[in-house]
Amino acid sequence: MMKPTVWGLALAATCGVSTASADIIEGYPDTLVCRIGAERIVGYLHKVNDDGSAIYLTLAQAFATVTPDGVVHRDGANDCDGKTLEELRGNS
């Protein structure tokens, strides 16, 4: 079995074209890949609340939130912060 960090790097490499990937939970991408400074950080879907908001985590810490209207919030991630999931998927 691959170590989680190696798996994360492999996933990040395969998601390089898009910042959002497949939906295990319909309407929410399994991962968000956002640039923070000189790094690309992968956030994994952690939970979806009853109100429709979602929390994304890295393997080490909280990463981003998504509000019920589908807007990503992550300070410092200029390529993701304030954009909708649809924009990140490239559907708009």
N, C-alpha and C. Protein backbone atom coordinates (compact mmCIF):
# COMPACT_ATOMS: atom_id res chain seq x y z
N MET A 1 0.85 -1.19 0.00
CA MET A 1 0.00 0.00 0.00
C MET A 1 0.88 1.24 0.00
N MET A 2 0.52 2.24 -0.79
CA MET A 2 1.29 3.48 -0.85
C MET A 2 1.13 4.29 0.42
N LYS A 3 2.18 4.97 0.82
CA LYS A 3 2.08 5.90 1.94
C LYS A 3 1.21 7.07 1.52
N PRO A 4 0.45 7.67 2.48
CA PRO A 4 -0.44 8.78 2.12
C PRO A 4 0.27 9.94 1.42
N THR A 5 1.50 10.25 1.84
CA THR A 5 2.19 11.38 1.22
C THR A 5 2.55 11.08 -0.22
N VAL A 6 2.94 9.84 -0.51
CA VAL A 6 3.26 9.46 -1.88
C VAL A 6 1.98 9.47 -2.71
N TRP A 7 0.89 8.95 -2.15
CA TRP A 7 -0.40 8.96 -2.84
C TRP A 7 -0.80 10.40 -3.15
N GLY A 8 -0.64 11.31 -2.20
CA GLY A 8 -0.99 12.71 -2.42
C GLY A 8 -0.18 13.32 -3.54
N LEU A 9 1.10 13.01 -3.59
CA LEU A 9 1.94 13.53 -4.67
C LEU A 9 1.52 12.96 -6.01
N ALA A 10 1.18 11.67 -6.04
CA ALA A 10 0.73 11.06 -7.29
C ALA A 10 -0.58 11.69 -7.74
N LEU A 11 -1.49 11.92 -6.81
CA LEU A 11 -2.76 12.55 -7.14
C LEU A 11 -2.54 13.96 -7.65
N ALA A 12 -1.68 14.72 -7.00
CA ALA A 12 -1.40 16.09 -7.43
C ALA A 12 -0.84 16.10 -8.85
N ALA A 13 0.01 15.15 -9.15
CA ALA A 13 0.61 15.09 -10.49
C ALA A 13 -0.44 14.79 -11.54
N THR A 14 -1.43 13.95 -11.22
CA THR A 14 -2.45 13.61 -12.20
C THR A 14 -3.51 14.68 -12.32
N CYS A 15 -3.60 15.58 -11.36
CA CYS A 15 -4.61 16.64 -11.38
C CYS A 15 -4.04 17.97 -11.86
N GLY A 16 -2.86 17.97 -12.45
CA GLY A 16 -2.20 19.20 -12.82
C GLY A 16 -2.95 20.09 -13.80
N VAL A 17 -3.83 19.53 -14.62
CA VAL A 17 -4.52 20.32 -15.62
C VAL A 17 -5.69 21.08 -15.03
N SER A 18 -6.33 20.52 -14.03
CA SER A 18 -7.54 21.10 -13.45
C SER A 18 -7.36 21.27 -11.95
N THR A 19 -8.09 22.20 -11.35
CA THR A 19 -8.01 22.36 -9.90
C THR A 19 -9.11 21.62 -9.18
N ALA A 20 -9.99 20.92 -9.88
CA ALA A 20 -11.04 20.11 -9.26
C ALA A 20 -11.15 18.80 -10.02
N SER A 21 -11.45 17.72 -9.29
CA SER A 21 -11.54 16.40 -9.93
C SER A 21 -12.86 15.73 -9.59
N ALA A 22 -12.97 14.45 -9.89
CA ALA A 22 -14.22 13.67 -9.80
C ALA A 22 -14.97 13.88 -8.49
N ASP A 23 -16.27 13.61 -8.54
CA ASP A 23 -17.14 13.83 -7.38
C ASP A 23 -17.58 12.52 -6.75
N ILE A 24 -16.97 12.15 -5.61
CA ILE A 24 -17.48 11.01 -4.85
C ILE A 24 -18.81 11.41 -4.23
N ILE A 25 -18.88 12.61 -3.68
CA ILE A 25 -20.15 13.18 -3.20
C ILE A 25 -20.59 14.15 -4.29
N GLU A 26 -21.72 13.86 -4.91
CA GLU A 26 -22.18 14.64 -6.06
C GLU A 26 -22.16 16.14 -5.78
N GLY A 27 -21.56 16.88 -6.70
CA GLY A 27 -21.50 18.33 -6.60
C GLY A 27 -20.27 18.87 -5.90
N TYR A 28 -19.47 17.99 -5.29
CA TYR A 28 -18.27 18.42 -4.56
C TYR A 28 -17.06 17.66 -5.10
N PRO A 29 -16.04 18.37 -5.61
CA PRO A 29 -14.85 17.66 -6.09
C PRO A 29 -14.14 16.98 -4.94
N ASP A 30 -13.55 15.83 -5.21
CA ASP A 30 -12.82 15.08 -4.19
C ASP A 30 -11.60 15.84 -3.70
N THR A 31 -10.98 16.60 -4.60
CA THR A 31 -9.79 17.37 -4.26
C THR A 31 -9.88 18.78 -4.83
N LEU A 32 -9.20 19.69 -4.16
CA LEU A 32 -8.96 21.04 -4.69
C LEU A 32 -7.44 21.21 -4.72
N VAL A 33 -6.91 21.68 -5.82
CA VAL A 33 -5.48 21.95 -5.94
C VAL A 33 -5.33 23.45 -6.16
N CYS A 34 -4.76 24.12 -5.17
CA CYS A 34 -4.61 25.57 -5.23
C CYS A 34 -3.15 25.95 -5.01
N ARG A 35 -2.75 27.04 -5.65
CA ARG A 35 -1.39 27.54 -5.48
C ARG A 35 -1.35 28.47 -4.27
N ILE A 36 -0.46 28.18 -3.34
CA ILE A 36 -0.20 29.02 -2.17
C ILE A 36 1.27 29.40 -2.26
N GLY A 37 1.53 30.64 -2.61
CA GLY A 37 2.92 31.06 -2.84
C GLY A 37 3.50 30.26 -4.00
N ALA A 38 4.63 29.61 -3.79
CA ALA A 38 5.29 28.85 -4.83
C ALA A 38 4.90 27.37 -4.84
N GLU A 39 3.95 26.98 -3.99
CA GLU A 39 3.56 25.57 -3.87
C GLU A 39 2.14 25.35 -4.36
N ARG A 40 1.88 24.15 -4.88
CA ARG A 40 0.51 23.73 -5.15
C ARG A 40 0.10 22.81 -4.01
N ILE A 41 -0.99 23.14 -3.34
CA ILE A 41 -1.46 22.39 -2.18
C ILE A 41 -2.71 21.61 -2.57
N VAL A 42 -2.77 20.34 -2.17
CA VAL A 42 -3.92 19.50 -2.44
C VAL A 42 -4.78 19.42 -1.18
N GLY A 43 -6.04 19.83 -1.30
CA GLY A 43 -6.99 19.69 -0.21
C GLY A 43 -7.98 18.61 -0.56
N TYR A 44 -8.26 17.73 0.39
CA TYR A 44 -9.16 16.59 0.19
C TYR A 44 -10.49 16.88 0.87
N LEU A 45 -11.59 16.50 0.22
CA LEU A 45 -12.91 16.70 0.81
C LEU A 45 -12.98 15.95 2.13
N HIS A 46 -13.28 16.67 3.19
CA HIS A 46 -13.37 16.09 4.53
C HIS A 46 -14.82 15.83 4.92
N LYS A 47 -15.67 16.84 4.74
CA LYS A 47 -17.08 16.65 5.09
C LYS A 47 -17.93 17.69 4.39
N VAL A 48 -19.21 17.32 4.23
CA VAL A 48 -20.22 18.22 3.70
C VAL A 48 -21.27 18.36 4.79
N ASN A 49 -21.51 19.59 5.21
CA ASN A 49 -22.46 19.86 6.28
C ASN A 49 -23.89 19.87 5.74
N ASP A 50 -24.86 19.76 6.65
CA ASP A 50 -26.28 19.77 6.27
C ASP A 50 -26.67 21.04 5.52
N ASP A 51 -25.97 22.16 5.79
CA ASP A 51 -26.31 23.41 5.11
C ASP A 51 -25.70 23.51 3.70
N GLY A 52 -24.94 22.50 3.30
CA GLY A 52 -24.32 22.48 1.97
C GLY A 52 -22.90 22.99 1.93
N SER A 53 -22.39 23.54 3.05
CA SER A 53 -20.99 23.97 3.08
C SER A 53 -20.10 22.73 3.21
N ALA A 54 -18.86 22.86 2.78
CA ALA A 54 -17.93 21.73 2.81
C ALA A 54 -16.59 22.19 3.38
N ILE A 55 -15.88 21.24 3.97
CA ILE A 55 -14.54 21.49 4.51
C ILE A 55 -13.55 20.61 3.76
N TYR A 56 -12.47 21.21 3.30
CA TYR A 56 -11.37 20.49 2.67
C TYR A 56 -10.16 20.56 3.59
N LEU A 57 -9.44 19.44 3.71
CA LEU A 57 -8.25 19.36 4.55
C LEU A 57 -7.06 18.89 3.73
N THR A 58 -5.85 19.30 4.14
CA THR A 58 -4.65 18.67 3.62
C THR A 58 -4.43 17.46 4.51
N LEU A 59 -3.38 16.72 4.28
CA LEU A 59 -3.09 15.60 5.16
C LEU A 59 -2.68 16.08 6.54
N ALA A 60 -2.35 17.36 6.68
CA ALA A 60 -1.85 17.89 7.95
C ALA A 60 -2.76 18.91 8.62
N GLN A 61 -3.63 19.61 7.87
CA GLN A 61 -4.36 20.73 8.46
C GLN A 61 -5.57 21.13 7.62
N ALA A 62 -6.39 22.02 8.19
CA ALA A 62 -7.51 22.57 7.43
C ALA A 62 -6.96 23.32 6.23
N PHE A 63 -7.66 23.26 5.12
CA PHE A 63 -7.16 23.83 3.88
C PHE A 63 -8.11 24.87 3.29
N ALA A 64 -9.36 24.52 3.07
CA ALA A 64 -10.30 25.43 2.41
C ALA A 64 -11.72 25.10 2.82
N THR A 65 -12.60 26.07 2.67
CA THR A 65 -14.03 25.83 2.88
C THR A 65 -14.76 26.17 1.58
N VAL A 66 -15.89 25.53 1.41
CA VAL A 66 -16.77 25.81 0.28
C VAL A 66 -18.13 26.13 0.86
N THR A 67 -18.65 27.31 0.54
CA THR A 67 -19.95 27.72 1.05
C THR A 67 -21.07 27.04 0.25
N PRO A 68 -22.30 27.04 0.79
CA PRO A 68 -23.39 26.34 0.11
C PRO A 68 -23.62 26.79 -1.33
N ASP A 69 -23.22 28.00 -1.67
CA ASP A 69 -23.37 28.47 -3.05
C ASP A 69 -22.22 28.01 -3.96
N GLY A 70 -21.33 27.15 -3.44
CA GLY A 70 -20.26 26.56 -4.24
C GLY A 70 -19.03 27.43 -4.39
N VAL A 71 -18.84 28.43 -3.53
CA VAL A 71 -17.68 29.32 -3.62
C VAL A 71 -16.59 28.82 -2.67
N VAL A 72 -15.35 28.71 -3.20
CA VAL A 72 -14.19 28.27 -2.43
C VAL A 72 -13.59 29.45 -1.69
N HIS A 73 -13.23 29.23 -0.43
CA HIS A 73 -12.60 30.27 0.38
C HIS A 73 -11.30 29.73 0.95
N ARG A 74 -10.18 30.36 0.54
CA ARG A 74 -8.85 30.00 1.06
C ARG A 74 -7.96 31.21 0.88
N ASP A 75 -7.70 31.91 1.98
CA ASP A 75 -6.81 33.07 1.93
C ASP A 75 -5.47 32.67 1.35
N GLY A 76 -4.95 33.51 0.47
CA GLY A 76 -3.63 33.29 -0.11
C GLY A 76 -3.63 32.43 -1.36
N ALA A 77 -4.74 31.78 -1.66
CA ALA A 77 -4.82 30.92 -2.85
C ALA A 77 -5.52 31.69 -3.96
N ASN A 78 -4.80 32.59 -4.59
CA ASN A 78 -5.41 33.49 -5.57
C ASN A 78 -6.04 32.76 -6.74
N ASP A 79 -5.57 31.54 -7.05
CA ASP A 79 -6.17 30.80 -8.17
C ASP A 79 -7.45 30.09 -7.77
N CYS A 80 -7.77 30.04 -6.47
CA CYS A 80 -8.97 29.34 -5.99
C CYS A 80 -9.91 30.23 -5.18
N ASP A 81 -9.37 31.09 -4.35
CA ASP A 81 -10.18 31.87 -3.41
C ASP A 81 -11.21 32.72 -4.13
N GLY A 82 -12.48 32.57 -3.72
CA GLY A 82 -13.56 33.35 -4.29
C GLY A 82 -14.12 32.82 -5.59
N LYS A 83 -13.56 31.72 -6.09
CA LYS A 83 -14.07 31.13 -7.33
C LYS A 83 -15.06 30.02 -7.00
N THR A 84 -15.97 29.79 -7.92
CA THR A 84 -16.94 28.71 -7.72
C THR A 84 -16.32 27.37 -8.12
N LEU A 85 -16.92 26.28 -7.64
CA LEU A 85 -16.46 24.95 -8.04
C LEU A 85 -16.59 24.78 -9.55
N GLU A 86 -17.63 25.34 -10.14
CA GLU A 86 -17.81 25.27 -11.59
C GLU A 86 -16.66 25.97 -12.31
N GLU A 87 -16.24 27.13 -11.82
CA GLU A 87 -15.11 27.83 -12.45
C GLU A 87 -13.84 26.98 -12.34
N LEU A 88 -13.63 26.35 -11.20
CA LEU A 88 -12.43 25.53 -11.02
C LEU A 88 -12.46 24.28 -11.88
N ARG A 89 -13.64 23.78 -12.14
CA ARG A 89 -13.77 22.62 -13.02
C ARG A 89 -13.57 23.01 -14.48
N GLY A 90 -13.61 24.32 -14.75
CA GLY A 90 -13.47 24.79 -16.12
C GLY A 90 -14.77 24.75 -16.90
N ASN A 91 -15.91 24.73 -16.18
CA ASN A 91 -17.21 24.64 -16.83
C ASN A 91 -17.89 25.98 -17.03
N SER A 92 -17.18 27.07 -16.78
CA SER A 92 -17.83 28.37 -16.98
C SER A 92 -16.91 29.30 -17.74
